[in-house]
Structure formats: structure tokens, C-alpha cells
Amino acid sequence: MQLIFRFIAGGLIVSVFAALGGILKPKSFAGLFGSAPSVALATLALTILANGKLYAARETRSMIAGAIALWLYARVTIWLIMRFNLRAALASASAIAAWLICAIGAWLLVLR
């Protein structure tokens, strides 16, 4: 039963976000809107069904903390490339420390 719900919810949510991405400019947003948010929402819906709203709320806070850490990682990577003219591989490897600090800090805040 859960597999059927996962298939229907995932397909429906992916379709909605893909349509939204197709409307927006540039068209590269279609892939972005078609994947990450739809998977997160489908997973959240399954979590609510399987474990309840309180557990899902905690998981949602974890998703938000992870998104913030990812945003910081991307910003630091871009800053290293622009400021020090580093290659992308070196800048992204160097920015992992910022991601790790932010992710662990956010994780500790979410657990409280």
C-alpha cells in the first residue's frame, strides 16, 4: 500500500513542480523544481502517514537545516572561486569545512 501511495504522490508532485518549472524562465529551473522539492514533499507525506505529524515536523526542521547548510556551502564555494580565482574542484573541496560546521551546528539546534 505504501509503495502505491509513494508512486502516486511522487508522480503527482513531480508533475506539478515540472509544470511550474516549465512556466518559469530560464528553463533550467524545470529540472530544479522537478526533483528536490517533489522528493522532499513526497517523503514528508509518507513520514506523516507512517510516523505522525510531530515526527514529520522534526524531520522538516532537519530538511530546512540541511538546505541552509547547502546554501552556505554554495555561497562559500562561489566566493572562493570569485575572490581567489580557484578551480571549482579545489573551491568546492575547501568549502566542505563550512558546510560541516553549519550542518553540525544546525543539527544540534534541531535536536533541542
PDB file of N, CA and C in Angstrom:
ATOM      1  N   MET A   1       0.820  -1.199   0.000  1.00  0.00           N
ATOM      2  CA  MET A   1       0.000   0.000   0.000  1.00  0.00           C
ATOM      3  C   MET A   1       0.867   1.268   0.000  1.00  0.00           C
ATOM      4  N   GLN A   2       1.925   1.231   0.826  1.00  0.00           N
ATOM      5  CA  GLN A   2       2.809   2.386   0.890  1.00  0.00           C
ATOM      6  C   GLN A   2       3.526   2.605  -0.434  1.00  0.00           C
ATOM      7  N   LEU A   3       3.858   1.522  -1.117  1.00  0.00           N
ATOM      8  CA  LEU A   3       4.531   1.637  -2.401  1.00  0.00           C
ATOM      9  C   LEU A   3       3.619   2.291  -3.441  1.00  0.00           C
ATOM     10  N   ILE A   4       2.345   1.952  -3.424  1.00  0.00           N
ATOM     11  CA  ILE A   4       1.384   2.557  -4.357  1.00  0.00           C
ATOM     12  C   ILE A   4       1.231   4.045  -4.055  1.00  0.00           C
ATOM     13  N   PHE A   5       1.097   4.382  -2.776  1.00  0.00           N
ATOM     14  CA  PHE A   5       0.981   5.793  -2.401  1.00  0.00           C
ATOM     15  C   PHE A   5       2.234   6.564  -2.801  1.00  0.00           C
ATOM     16  N   ARG A   6       3.389   5.963  -2.580  1.00  0.00           N
ATOM     17  CA  ARG A   6       4.656   6.613  -2.923  1.00  0.00           C
ATOM     18  C   ARG A   6       4.728   6.879  -4.429  1.00  0.00           C
ATOM     19  N   PHE A   7       4.286   5.915  -5.216  1.00  0.00           N
ATOM     20  CA  PHE A   7       4.290   6.057  -6.671  1.00  0.00           C
ATOM     21  C   PHE A   7       3.345   7.177  -7.110  1.00  0.00           C
ATOM     22  N   ILE A   8       2.132   7.189  -6.589  1.00  0.00           N
ATOM     23  CA  ILE A   8       1.138   8.200  -6.985  1.00  0.00           C
ATOM     24  C   ILE A   8       1.541   9.586  -6.490  1.00  0.00           C
ATOM     25  N   ALA A   9       1.889   9.699  -5.206  1.00  0.00           N
ATOM     26  CA  ALA A   9       2.253  11.002  -4.642  1.00  0.00           C
ATOM     27  C   ALA A   9       3.511  11.545  -5.303  1.00  0.00           C
ATOM     28  N   GLY A  10       4.501  10.706  -5.467  1.00  0.00           N
ATOM     29  CA  GLY A  10       5.743  11.150  -6.098  1.00  0.00           C
ATOM     30  C   GLY A  10       5.518  11.608  -7.524  1.00  0.00           C
ATOM     31  N   GLY A  11       4.769  10.834  -8.297  1.00  0.00           N
ATOM     32  CA  GLY A  11       4.488  11.205  -9.685  1.00  0.00           C
ATOM     33  C   GLY A  11       3.689  12.482  -9.796  1.00  0.00           C
ATOM     34  N   LEU A  12       2.701  12.636  -8.937  1.00  0.00           N
ATOM     35  CA  LEU A  12       1.864  13.838  -8.970  1.00  0.00           C
ATOM     36  C   LEU A  12       2.668  15.081  -8.584  1.00  0.00           C
ATOM     37  N   ILE A  13       3.433  14.970  -7.538  1.00  0.00           N
ATOM     38  CA  ILE A  13       4.203  16.120  -7.069  1.00  0.00           C
ATOM     39  C   ILE A  13       5.294  16.486  -8.073  1.00  0.00           C
ATOM     40  N   VAL A  14       5.971  15.491  -8.648  1.00  0.00           N
ATOM     41  CA  VAL A  14       6.988  15.765  -9.658  1.00  0.00           C
ATOM     42  C   VAL A  14       6.360  16.460 -10.858  1.00  0.00           C
ATOM     43  N   SER A  15       5.179  16.013 -11.264  1.00  0.00           N
ATOM     44  CA  SER A  15       4.495  16.622 -12.412  1.00  0.00           C
ATOM     45  C   SER A  15       4.135  18.079 -12.142  1.00  0.00           C
ATOM     46  N   VAL A  16       3.646  18.370 -10.946  1.00  0.00           N
ATOM     47  CA  VAL A  16       3.284  19.749 -10.600  1.00  0.00           C
ATOM     48  C   VAL A  16       4.510  20.651 -10.615  1.00  0.00           C
ATOM     49  N   PHE A  17       5.599  20.202 -10.000  1.00  0.00           N
ATOM     50  CA  PHE A  17       6.802  21.031  -9.965  1.00  0.00           C
ATOM     51  C   PHE A  17       7.452  21.152 -11.345  1.00  0.00           C
ATOM     52  N   ALA A  18       7.377  20.101 -12.153  1.00  0.00           N
ATOM     53  CA  ALA A  18       7.919  20.190 -13.506  1.00  0.00           C
ATOM     54  C   ALA A  18       7.121  21.191 -14.335  1.00  0.00           C
ATOM     55  N   ALA A  19       5.795  21.212 -14.168  1.00  0.00           N
ATOM     56  CA  ALA A  19       4.968  22.189 -14.880  1.00  0.00           C
ATOM     57  C   ALA A  19       5.311  23.602 -14.422  1.00  0.00           C
ATOM     58  N   LEU A  20       5.503  23.787 -13.127  1.00  0.00           N
ATOM     59  CA  LEU A  20       5.889  25.092 -12.604  1.00  0.00           C
ATOM     60  C   LEU A  20       7.240  25.519 -13.163  1.00  0.00           C
ATOM     61  N   GLY A  21       8.179  24.584 -13.221  1.00  0.00           N
ATOM     62  CA  GLY A  21       9.488  24.890 -13.773  1.00  0.00           C
ATOM     63  C   GLY A  21       9.431  25.223 -15.252  1.00  0.00           C
ATOM     64  N   GLY A  22       8.501  24.606 -15.978  1.00  0.00           N
ATOM     65  CA  GLY A  22       8.353  24.899 -17.395  1.00  0.00           C
ATOM     66  C   GLY A  22       7.815  26.291 -17.660  1.00  0.00           C
ATOM     67  N   ILE A  23       7.070  26.822 -16.714  1.00  0.00           N
ATOM     68  CA  ILE A  23       6.497  28.164 -16.852  1.00  0.00           C
ATOM     69  C   ILE A  23       7.548  29.235 -16.595  1.00  0.00           C
ATOM     70  N   LEU A  24       8.430  28.983 -15.646  1.00  0.00           N
ATOM     71  CA  LEU A  24       9.424  29.977 -15.240  1.00  0.00           C
ATOM     72  C   LEU A  24      10.568  30.070 -16.237  1.00  0.00           C
ATOM     73  N   LYS A  25      11.253  31.186 -16.204  1.00  0.00           N
ATOM     74  CA  LYS A  25      12.432  31.402 -17.040  1.00  0.00           C
ATOM     75  C   LYS A  25      13.644  31.486 -16.134  1.00  0.00           C
ATOM     76  N   PRO A  26      14.799  31.013 -16.413  1.00  0.00           N
ATOM     77  CA  PRO A  26      15.147  30.206 -17.570  1.00  0.00           C
ATOM     78  C   PRO A  26      14.614  28.789 -17.420  1.00  0.00           C
ATOM     79  N   LYS A  27      14.654  28.042 -18.479  1.00  0.00           N
ATOM     80  CA  LYS A  27      14.105  26.691 -18.496  1.00  0.00           C
ATOM     81  C   LYS A  27      14.894  25.730 -17.612  1.00  0.00           C
ATOM     82  N   SER A  28      16.082  26.116 -17.205  1.00  0.00           N
ATOM     83  CA  SER A  28      16.875  25.241 -16.334  1.00  0.00           C
ATOM     84  C   SER A  28      16.212  25.053 -14.978  1.00  0.00           C
ATOM     85  N   PHE A  29      15.265  25.937 -14.626  1.00  0.00           N
ATOM     86  CA  PHE A  29      14.529  25.761 -13.377  1.00  0.00           C
ATOM     87  C   PHE A  29      13.650  24.522 -13.406  1.00  0.00           C
ATOM     88  N   ALA A  30      13.285  24.049 -14.588  1.00  0.00           N
ATOM     89  CA  ALA A  30      12.401  22.887 -14.690  1.00  0.00           C
ATOM     90  C   ALA A  30      13.007  21.680 -13.980  1.00  0.00           C
ATOM     91  N   GLY A  31      14.290  21.426 -14.193  1.00  0.00           N
ATOM     92  CA  GLY A  31      14.938  20.302 -13.528  1.00  0.00           C
ATOM     93  C   GLY A  31      15.038  20.496 -12.031  1.00  0.00           C
ATOM     94  N   LEU A  32      15.335  21.712 -11.620  1.00  0.00           N
ATOM     95  CA  LEU A  32      15.438  22.023 -10.202  1.00  0.00           C
ATOM     96  C   LEU A  32      14.107  21.833  -9.496  1.00  0.00           C
ATOM     97  N   PHE A  33      13.045  22.376 -10.091  1.00  0.00           N
ATOM     98  CA  PHE A  33      11.730  22.258  -9.485  1.00  0.00           C
ATOM     99  C   PHE A  33      11.150  20.861  -9.630  1.00  0.00           C
ATOM    100  N   GLY A  34      11.646  20.095 -10.575  1.00  0.00           N
ATOM    101  CA  GLY A  34      11.110  18.761 -10.790  1.00  0.00           C
ATOM    102  C   GLY A  34      11.681  17.715  -9.864  1.00  0.00           C
ATOM    103  N   SER A  35      12.769  18.011  -9.189  1.00  0.00           N
ATOM    104  CA  SER A  35      13.407  16.957  -8.410  1.00  0.00           C
ATOM    105  C   SER A  35      13.350  17.193  -6.905  1.00  0.00           C
ATOM    106  N   ALA A  36      14.178  18.055  -6.395  1.00  0.00           N
ATOM    107  CA  ALA A  36      14.364  18.169  -4.943  1.00  0.00           C
ATOM    108  C   ALA A  36      13.078  18.475  -4.167  1.00  0.00           C
ATOM    109  N   PRO A  37      12.322  19.506  -4.516  1.00  0.00           N
ATOM    110  CA  PRO A  37      11.125  19.779  -3.709  1.00  0.00           C
ATOM    111  C   PRO A  37      10.097  18.659  -3.775  1.00  0.00           C
ATOM    112  N   SER A  38       9.956  18.039  -4.937  1.00  0.00           N
ATOM    113  CA  SER A  38       8.952  16.991  -5.067  1.00  0.00           C
ATOM    114  C   SER A  38       9.328  15.757  -4.257  1.00  0.00           C
ATOM    115  N   VAL A  39      10.594  15.409  -4.263  1.00  0.00           N
ATOM    116  CA  VAL A  39      11.037  14.264  -3.469  1.00  0.00           C
ATOM    117  C   VAL A  39      10.872  14.566  -1.980  1.00  0.00           C
ATOM    118  N   ALA A  40      11.217  15.769  -1.563  1.00  0.00           N
ATOM    119  CA  ALA A  40      11.071  16.143  -0.154  1.00  0.00           C
ATOM    120  C   ALA A  40       9.602  16.106   0.272  1.00  0.00           C
ATOM    121  N   LEU A  41       8.707  16.618  -0.562  1.00  0.00           N
ATOM    122  CA  LEU A  41       7.289  16.618  -0.205  1.00  0.00           C
ATOM    123  C   LEU A  41       6.703  15.214  -0.183  1.00  0.00           C
ATOM    124  N   ALA A  42       7.088  14.385  -1.129  1.00  0.00           N
ATOM    125  CA  ALA A  42       6.602  13.003  -1.127  1.00  0.00           C
ATOM    126  C   ALA A  42       7.103  12.258   0.107  1.00  0.00           C
ATOM    127  N   THR A  43       8.367  12.465   0.453  1.00  0.00           N
ATOM    128  CA  THR A  43       8.924  11.839   1.647  1.00  0.00           C
ATOM    129  C   THR A  43       8.232  12.341   2.903  1.00  0.00           C
ATOM    130  N   LEU A  44       7.945  13.629   2.942  1.00  0.00           N
ATOM    131  CA  LEU A  44       7.245  14.197   4.091  1.00  0.00           C
ATOM    132  C   LEU A  44       5.839  13.629   4.225  1.00  0.00           C
ATOM    133  N   ALA A  45       5.132  13.473   3.113  1.00  0.00           N
ATOM    134  CA  ALA A  45       3.790  12.891   3.156  1.00  0.00           C
ATOM    135  C   ALA A  45       3.837  11.457   3.679  1.00  0.00           C
ATOM    136  N   LEU A  46       4.804  10.693   3.230  1.00  0.00           N
ATOM    137  CA  LEU A  46       4.947   9.320   3.729  1.00  0.00           C
ATOM    138  C   LEU A  46       5.315   9.292   5.210  1.00  0.00           C
ATOM    139  N   THR A  47       6.143  10.226   5.620  1.00  0.00           N
ATOM    140  CA  THR A  47       6.530  10.295   7.026  1.00  0.00           C
ATOM    141  C   THR A  47       5.339  10.617   7.906  1.00  0.00           C
ATOM    142  N   ILE A  48       4.475  11.507   7.451  1.00  0.00           N
ATOM    143  CA  ILE A  48       3.262  11.838   8.216  1.00  0.00           C
ATOM    144  C   ILE A  48       2.386  10.603   8.349  1.00  0.00           C
ATOM    145  N   LEU A  49       2.211   9.879   7.252  1.00  0.00           N
ATOM    146  CA  LEU A  49       1.374   8.679   7.297  1.00  0.00           C
ATOM    147  C   LEU A  49       1.968   7.593   8.181  1.00  0.00           C
ATOM    148  N   ALA A  50       3.276   7.421   8.121  1.00  0.00           N
ATOM    149  CA  ALA A  50       3.917   6.327   8.853  1.00  0.00           C
ATOM    150  C   ALA A  50       4.201   6.658  10.314  1.00  0.00           C
ATOM    151  N   ASN A  51       4.588   7.902  10.610  1.00  0.00           N
ATOM    152  CA  ASN A  51       5.067   8.225  11.959  1.00  0.00           C
ATOM    153  C   ASN A  51       4.309   9.345  12.649  1.00  0.00           C
ATOM    154  N   GLY A  52       3.414  10.030  11.974  1.00  0.00           N
ATOM    155  CA  GLY A  52       2.655  11.092  12.595  1.00  0.00           C
ATOM    156  C   GLY A  52       3.222  12.482  12.328  1.00  0.00           C
ATOM    157  N   LYS A  53       2.407  13.467  12.696  1.00  0.00           N
ATOM    158  CA  LYS A  53       2.747  14.864  12.396  1.00  0.00           C
ATOM    159  C   LYS A  53       3.916  15.390  13.221  1.00  0.00           C
ATOM    160  N   LEU A  54       4.015  15.002  14.477  1.00  0.00           N
ATOM    161  CA  LEU A  54       5.103  15.517  15.316  1.00  0.00           C
ATOM    162  C   LEU A  54       6.467  15.053  14.812  1.00  0.00           C
ATOM    163  N   TYR A  55       6.558  13.794  14.448  1.00  0.00           N
ATOM    164  CA  TYR A  55       7.812  13.280  13.902  1.00  0.00           C
ATOM    165  C   TYR A  55       8.133  13.955  12.574  1.00  0.00           C
ATOM    166  N   ALA A  56       7.111  14.148  11.745  1.00  0.00           N
ATOM    167  CA  ALA A  56       7.310  14.805  10.447  1.00  0.00           C
ATOM    168  C   ALA A  56       7.758  16.252  10.631  1.00  0.00           C
ATOM    169  N   ALA A  57       7.253  16.925  11.661  1.00  0.00           N
ATOM    170  CA  ALA A  57       7.673  18.303  11.927  1.00  0.00           C
ATOM    171  C   ALA A  57       9.164  18.348  12.262  1.00  0.00           C
ATOM    172  N   ARG A  58       9.615  17.386  13.023  1.00  0.00           N
ATOM    173  CA  ARG A  58      11.045  17.338  13.364  1.00  0.00           C
ATOM    174  C   ARG A  58      11.887  17.057  12.106  1.00  0.00           C
ATOM    175  N   GLU A  59      11.420  16.165  11.281  1.00  0.00           N
ATOM    176  CA  GLU A  59      12.118  15.861  10.035  1.00  0.00           C
ATOM    177  C   GLU A  59      12.139  17.077   9.109  1.00  0.00           C
ATOM    178  N   THR A  60      11.072  17.851   9.106  1.00  0.00           N
ATOM    179  CA  THR A  60      11.018  19.064   8.288  1.00  0.00           C
ATOM    180  C   THR A  60      12.052  20.077   8.746  1.00  0.00           C
ATOM    181  N   ARG A  61      12.197  20.226  10.050  1.00  0.00           N
ATOM    182  CA  ARG A  61      13.237  21.119  10.567  1.00  0.00           C
ATOM    183  C   ARG A  61      14.622  20.644  10.135  1.00  0.00           C
ATOM    184  N   SER A  62      14.814  19.341  10.092  1.00  0.00           N
ATOM    185  CA  SER A  62      16.091  18.799   9.617  1.00  0.00           C
ATOM    186  C   SER A  62      16.315  19.117   8.147  1.00  0.00           C
ATOM    187  N   MET A  63      15.248  19.049   7.340  1.00  0.00           N
ATOM    188  CA  MET A  63      15.353  19.400   5.921  1.00  0.00           C
ATOM    189  C   MET A  63      15.738  20.865   5.752  1.00  0.00           C
ATOM    190  N   ILE A  64      15.139  21.718   6.550  1.00  0.00           N
ATOM    191  CA  ILE A  64      15.440  23.151   6.469  1.00  0.00           C
ATOM    192  C   ILE A  64      16.890  23.406   6.879  1.00  0.00           C
ATOM    193  N   ALA A  65      17.334  22.761   7.938  1.00  0.00           N
ATOM    194  CA  ALA A  65      18.721  22.920   8.383  1.00  0.00           C
ATOM    195  C   ALA A  65      19.687  22.442   7.301  1.00  0.00           C
ATOM    196  N   GLY A  66      19.373  21.340   6.666  1.00  0.00           N
ATOM    197  CA  GLY A  66      20.218  20.842   5.581  1.00  0.00           C
ATOM    198  C   GLY A  66      20.253  21.788   4.396  1.00  0.00           C
ATOM    199  N   ALA A  67      19.116  22.390   4.089  1.00  0.00           N
ATOM    200  CA  ALA A  67      19.065  23.350   2.977  1.00  0.00           C
ATOM    201  C   ALA A  67      19.903  24.586   3.286  1.00  0.00           C
ATOM    202  N   ILE A  68      19.866  25.040   4.509  1.00  0.00           N
ATOM    203  CA  ILE A  68      20.676  26.202   4.903  1.00  0.00           C
ATOM    204  C   ILE A  68      22.167  25.867   4.798  1.00  0.00           C
ATOM    205  N   ALA A  69      22.548  24.681   5.257  1.00  0.00           N
ATOM    206  CA  ALA A  69      23.959  24.265   5.157  1.00  0.00           C
ATOM    207  C   ALA A  69      24.392  24.154   3.699  1.00  0.00           C
ATOM    208  N   LEU A  70      23.524  23.637   2.845  1.00  0.00           N
ATOM    209  CA  LEU A  70      23.843  23.534   1.425  1.00  0.00           C
ATOM    210  C   LEU A  70      23.986  24.914   0.794  1.00  0.00           C
ATOM    211  N   TRP A  71      23.106  25.838   1.166  1.00  0.00           N
ATOM    212  CA  TRP A  71      23.184  27.210   0.649  1.00  0.00           C
ATOM    213  C   TRP A  71      24.511  27.850   1.055  1.00  0.00           C
ATOM    214  N   LEU A  72      24.894  27.694   2.317  1.00  0.00           N
ATOM    215  CA  LEU A  72      26.168  28.259   2.783  1.00  0.00           C
ATOM    216  C   LEU A  72      27.342  27.637   2.025  1.00  0.00           C
ATOM    217  N   TYR A  73      27.305  26.345   1.817  1.00  0.00           N
ATOM    218  CA  TYR A  73      28.359  25.670   1.064  1.00  0.00           C
ATOM    219  C   TYR A  73      28.484  26.251  -0.343  1.00  0.00           C
ATOM    220  N   ALA A  74      27.350  26.448  -1.008  1.00  0.00           N
ATOM    221  CA  ALA A  74      27.372  27.009  -2.358  1.00  0.00           C
ATOM    222  C   ALA A  74      27.913  28.432  -2.355  1.00  0.00           C
ATOM    223  N   ARG A  75      27.506  29.248  -1.384  1.00  0.00           N
ATOM    224  CA  ARG A  75      27.979  30.626  -1.295  1.00  0.00           C
ATOM    225  C   ARG A  75      29.484  30.682  -1.058  1.00  0.00           C
ATOM    226  N   VAL A  76      29.982  29.851  -0.149  1.00  0.00           N
ATOM    227  CA  VAL A  76      31.421  29.835   0.140  1.00  0.00           C
ATOM    228  C   VAL A  76      32.195  29.361  -1.085  1.00  0.00           C
ATOM    229  N   THR A  77      31.687  28.351  -1.769  1.00  0.00           N
ATOM    230  CA  THR A  77      32.340  27.863  -2.984  1.00  0.00           C
ATOM    231  C   THR A  77      32.426  28.964  -4.028  1.00  0.00           C
ATOM    232  N   ILE A  78      31.330  29.643  -4.275  1.00  0.00           N
ATOM    233  CA  ILE A  78      31.323  30.734  -5.253  1.00  0.00           C
ATOM    234  C   ILE A  78      32.263  31.851  -4.827  1.00  0.00           C
ATOM    235  N   TRP A  79      32.267  32.183  -3.549  1.00  0.00           N
ATOM    236  CA  TRP A  79      33.152  33.238  -3.040  1.00  0.00           C
ATOM    237  C   TRP A  79      34.613  32.859  -3.254  1.00  0.00           C
ATOM    238  N   LEU A  80      34.972  31.612  -2.972  1.00  0.00           N
ATOM    239  CA  LEU A  80      36.357  31.175  -3.168  1.00  0.00           C
ATOM    240  C   LEU A  80      36.763  31.241  -4.642  1.00  0.00           C
ATOM    241  N   ILE A  81      35.847  30.874  -5.516  1.00  0.00           N
ATOM    242  CA  ILE A  81      36.152  30.933  -6.948  1.00  0.00           C
ATOM    243  C   ILE A  81      36.334  32.377  -7.397  1.00  0.00           C
ATOM    244  N   MET A  82      35.427  33.241  -6.980  1.00  0.00           N
ATOM    245  CA  MET A  82      35.470  34.639  -7.422  1.00  0.00           C
ATOM    246  C   MET A  82      36.616  35.411  -6.760  1.00  0.00           C
ATOM    247  N   ARG A  83      36.828  35.223  -5.486  1.00  0.00           N
ATOM    248  CA  ARG A  83      37.806  36.012  -4.739  1.00  0.00           C
ATOM    249  C   ARG A  83      39.234  35.577  -5.008  1.00  0.00           C
ATOM    250  N   PHE A  84      39.462  34.259  -5.033  1.00  0.00           N
ATOM    251  CA  PHE A  84      40.823  33.746  -5.150  1.00  0.00           C
ATOM    252  C   PHE A  84      41.092  33.058  -6.486  1.00  0.00           C
ATOM    253  N   ASN A  85      40.134  33.109  -7.379  1.00  0.00           N
ATOM    254  CA  ASN A  85      40.268  32.545  -8.721  1.00  0.00           C
ATOM    255  C   ASN A  85      40.659  31.061  -8.671  1.00  0.00           C
ATOM    256  N   LEU A  86      40.034  30.326  -7.733  1.00  0.00           N
ATOM    257  CA  LEU A  86      40.316  28.895  -7.596  1.00  0.00           C
ATOM    258  C   LEU A  86      39.530  28.099  -8.630  1.00  0.00           C
ATOM    259  N   ARG A  87      40.018  26.922  -8.926  1.00  0.00           N
ATOM    260  CA  ARG A  87      39.262  25.999  -9.771  1.00  0.00           C
ATOM    261  C   ARG A  87      38.076  25.471  -8.959  1.00  0.00           C
ATOM    262  N   ALA A  88      37.034  25.066  -9.653  1.00  0.00           N
ATOM    263  CA  ALA A  88      35.799  24.638  -8.988  1.00  0.00           C
ATOM    264  C   ALA A  88      36.041  23.450  -8.056  1.00  0.00           C
ATOM    265  N   ALA A  89      36.851  22.489  -8.480  1.00  0.00           N
ATOM    266  CA  ALA A  89      37.094  21.305  -7.648  1.00  0.00           C
ATOM    267  C   ALA A  89      37.785  21.681  -6.340  1.00  0.00           C
ATOM    268  N   LEU A  90      38.787  22.543  -6.418  1.00  0.00           N
ATOM    269  CA  LEU A  90      39.502  22.961  -5.214  1.00  0.00           C
ATOM    270  C   LEU A  90      38.610  23.813  -4.313  1.00  0.00           C
ATOM    271  N   ALA A  91      37.852  24.723  -4.900  1.00  0.00           N
ATOM    272  CA  ALA A  91      36.960  25.579  -4.110  1.00  0.00           C
ATOM    273  C   ALA A  91      35.878  24.760  -3.418  1.00  0.00           C
ATOM    274  N   SER A  92      35.291  23.810  -4.130  1.00  0.00           N
ATOM    275  CA  SER A  92      34.229  23.003  -3.524  1.00  0.00           C
ATOM    276  C   SER A  92      34.778  22.083  -2.438  1.00  0.00           C
ATOM    277  N   ALA A  93      35.976  21.552  -2.646  1.00  0.00           N
ATOM    278  CA  ALA A  93      36.592  20.718  -1.607  1.00  0.00           C
ATOM    279  C   ALA A  93      36.938  21.559  -0.379  1.00  0.00           C
ATOM    280  N   SER A  94      37.379  22.782  -0.593  1.00  0.00           N
ATOM    281  CA  SER A  94      37.729  23.668   0.521  1.00  0.00           C
ATOM    282  C   SER A  94      36.497  24.130   1.293  1.00  0.00           C
ATOM    283  N   ALA A  95      35.380  24.250   0.615  1.00  0.00           N
ATOM    284  CA  ALA A  95      34.157  24.747   1.256  1.00  0.00           C
ATOM    285  C   ALA A  95      33.455  23.684   2.096  1.00  0.00           C
ATOM    286  N   ILE A  96      33.910  22.455   2.016  1.00  0.00           N
ATOM    287  CA  ILE A  96      33.261  21.390   2.795  1.00  0.00           C
ATOM    288  C   ILE A  96      33.349  21.674   4.287  1.00  0.00           C
ATOM    289  N   ALA A  97      34.418  22.317   4.726  1.00  0.00           N
ATOM    290  CA  ALA A  97      34.551  22.652   6.148  1.00  0.00           C
ATOM    291  C   ALA A  97      33.421  23.581   6.591  1.00  0.00           C
ATOM    292  N   ALA A  98      33.084  24.571   5.767  1.00  0.00           N
ATOM    293  CA  ALA A  98      31.982  25.483   6.106  1.00  0.00           C
ATOM    294  C   ALA A  98      30.670  24.719   6.169  1.00  0.00           C
ATOM    295  N   TRP A  99      30.464  23.806   5.213  1.00  0.00           N
ATOM    296  CA  TRP A  99      29.238  23.006   5.225  1.00  0.00           C
ATOM    297  C   TRP A  99      29.164  22.157   6.489  1.00  0.00           C
ATOM    298  N   LEU A 100      30.268  21.515   6.839  1.00  0.00           N
ATOM    299  CA  LEU A 100      30.291  20.633   8.001  1.00  0.00           C
ATOM    300  C   LEU A 100      29.985  21.401   9.282  1.00  0.00           C
ATOM    301  N   ILE A 101      30.593  22.558   9.453  1.00  0.00           N
ATOM    302  CA  ILE A 101      30.342  23.371  10.651  1.00  0.00           C
ATOM    303  C   ILE A 101      28.871  23.790  10.707  1.00  0.00           C
ATOM    304  N   CYS A 102      28.332  24.268   9.586  1.00  0.00           N
ATOM    305  CA  CYS A 102      26.942  24.704   9.546  1.00  0.00           C
ATOM    306  C   CYS A 102      25.990  23.529   9.759  1.00  0.00           C
ATOM    307  N   ALA A 103      26.265  22.402   9.111  1.00  0.00           N
ATOM    308  CA  ALA A 103      25.382  21.245   9.227  1.00  0.00           C
ATOM    309  C   ALA A 103      25.360  20.696  10.650  1.00  0.00           C
ATOM    310  N   ILE A 104      26.519  20.584  11.270  1.00  0.00           N
ATOM    311  CA  ILE A 104      26.567  20.080  12.650  1.00  0.00           C
ATOM    312  C   ILE A 104      25.897  21.067  13.600  1.00  0.00           C
ATOM    313  N   GLY A 105      26.162  22.357  13.423  1.00  0.00           N
ATOM    314  CA  GLY A 105      25.517  23.361  14.270  1.00  0.00           C
ATOM    315  C   GLY A 105      24.005  23.351  14.115  1.00  0.00           C
ATOM    316  N   ALA A 106      23.531  23.266  12.894  1.00  0.00           N
ATOM    317  CA  ALA A 106      22.083  23.221  12.653  1.00  0.00           C
ATOM    318  C   ALA A 106      21.481  21.942  13.206  1.00  0.00           C
ATOM    319  N   TRP A 107      22.196  20.838  13.058  1.00  0.00           N
ATOM    320  CA  TRP A 107      21.718  19.557  13.575  1.00  0.00           C
ATOM    321  C   TRP A 107      21.579  19.600  15.100  1.00  0.00           C
ATOM    322  N   LEU A 108      22.557  20.222  15.767  1.00  0.00           N
ATOM    323  CA  LEU A 108      22.483  20.348  17.219  1.00  0.00           C
ATOM    324  C   LEU A 108      21.321  21.242  17.633  1.00  0.00           C
ATOM    325  N   LEU A 109      21.047  22.300  16.854  1.00  0.00           N
ATOM    326  CA  LEU A 109      19.904  23.165  17.168  1.00  0.00           C
ATOM    327  C   LEU A 109      18.579  22.446  16.955  1.00  0.00           C
ATOM    328  N   VAL A 110      18.493  21.624  15.932  1.00  0.00           N
ATOM    329  CA  VAL A 110      17.250  20.906  15.626  1.00  0.00           C
ATOM    330  C   VAL A 110      16.961  19.866  16.684  1.00  0.00           C
ATOM    331  N   LEU A 111      17.991  19.251  17.229  1.00  0.00           N
ATOM    332  CA  LEU A 111      17.786  18.199  18.238  1.00  0.00           C
ATOM    333  C   LEU A 111      17.247  18.736  19.552  1.00  0.00           C
ATOM    334  N   ARG A 112      17.439  20.002  19.804  1.00  0.00           N
ATOM    335  CA  ARG A 112      16.978  20.553  21.087  1.00  0.00           C
ATOM    336  C   ARG A 112      15.508  20.696  21.133  1.00  0.00           C
TER     337      ARG A 112
END
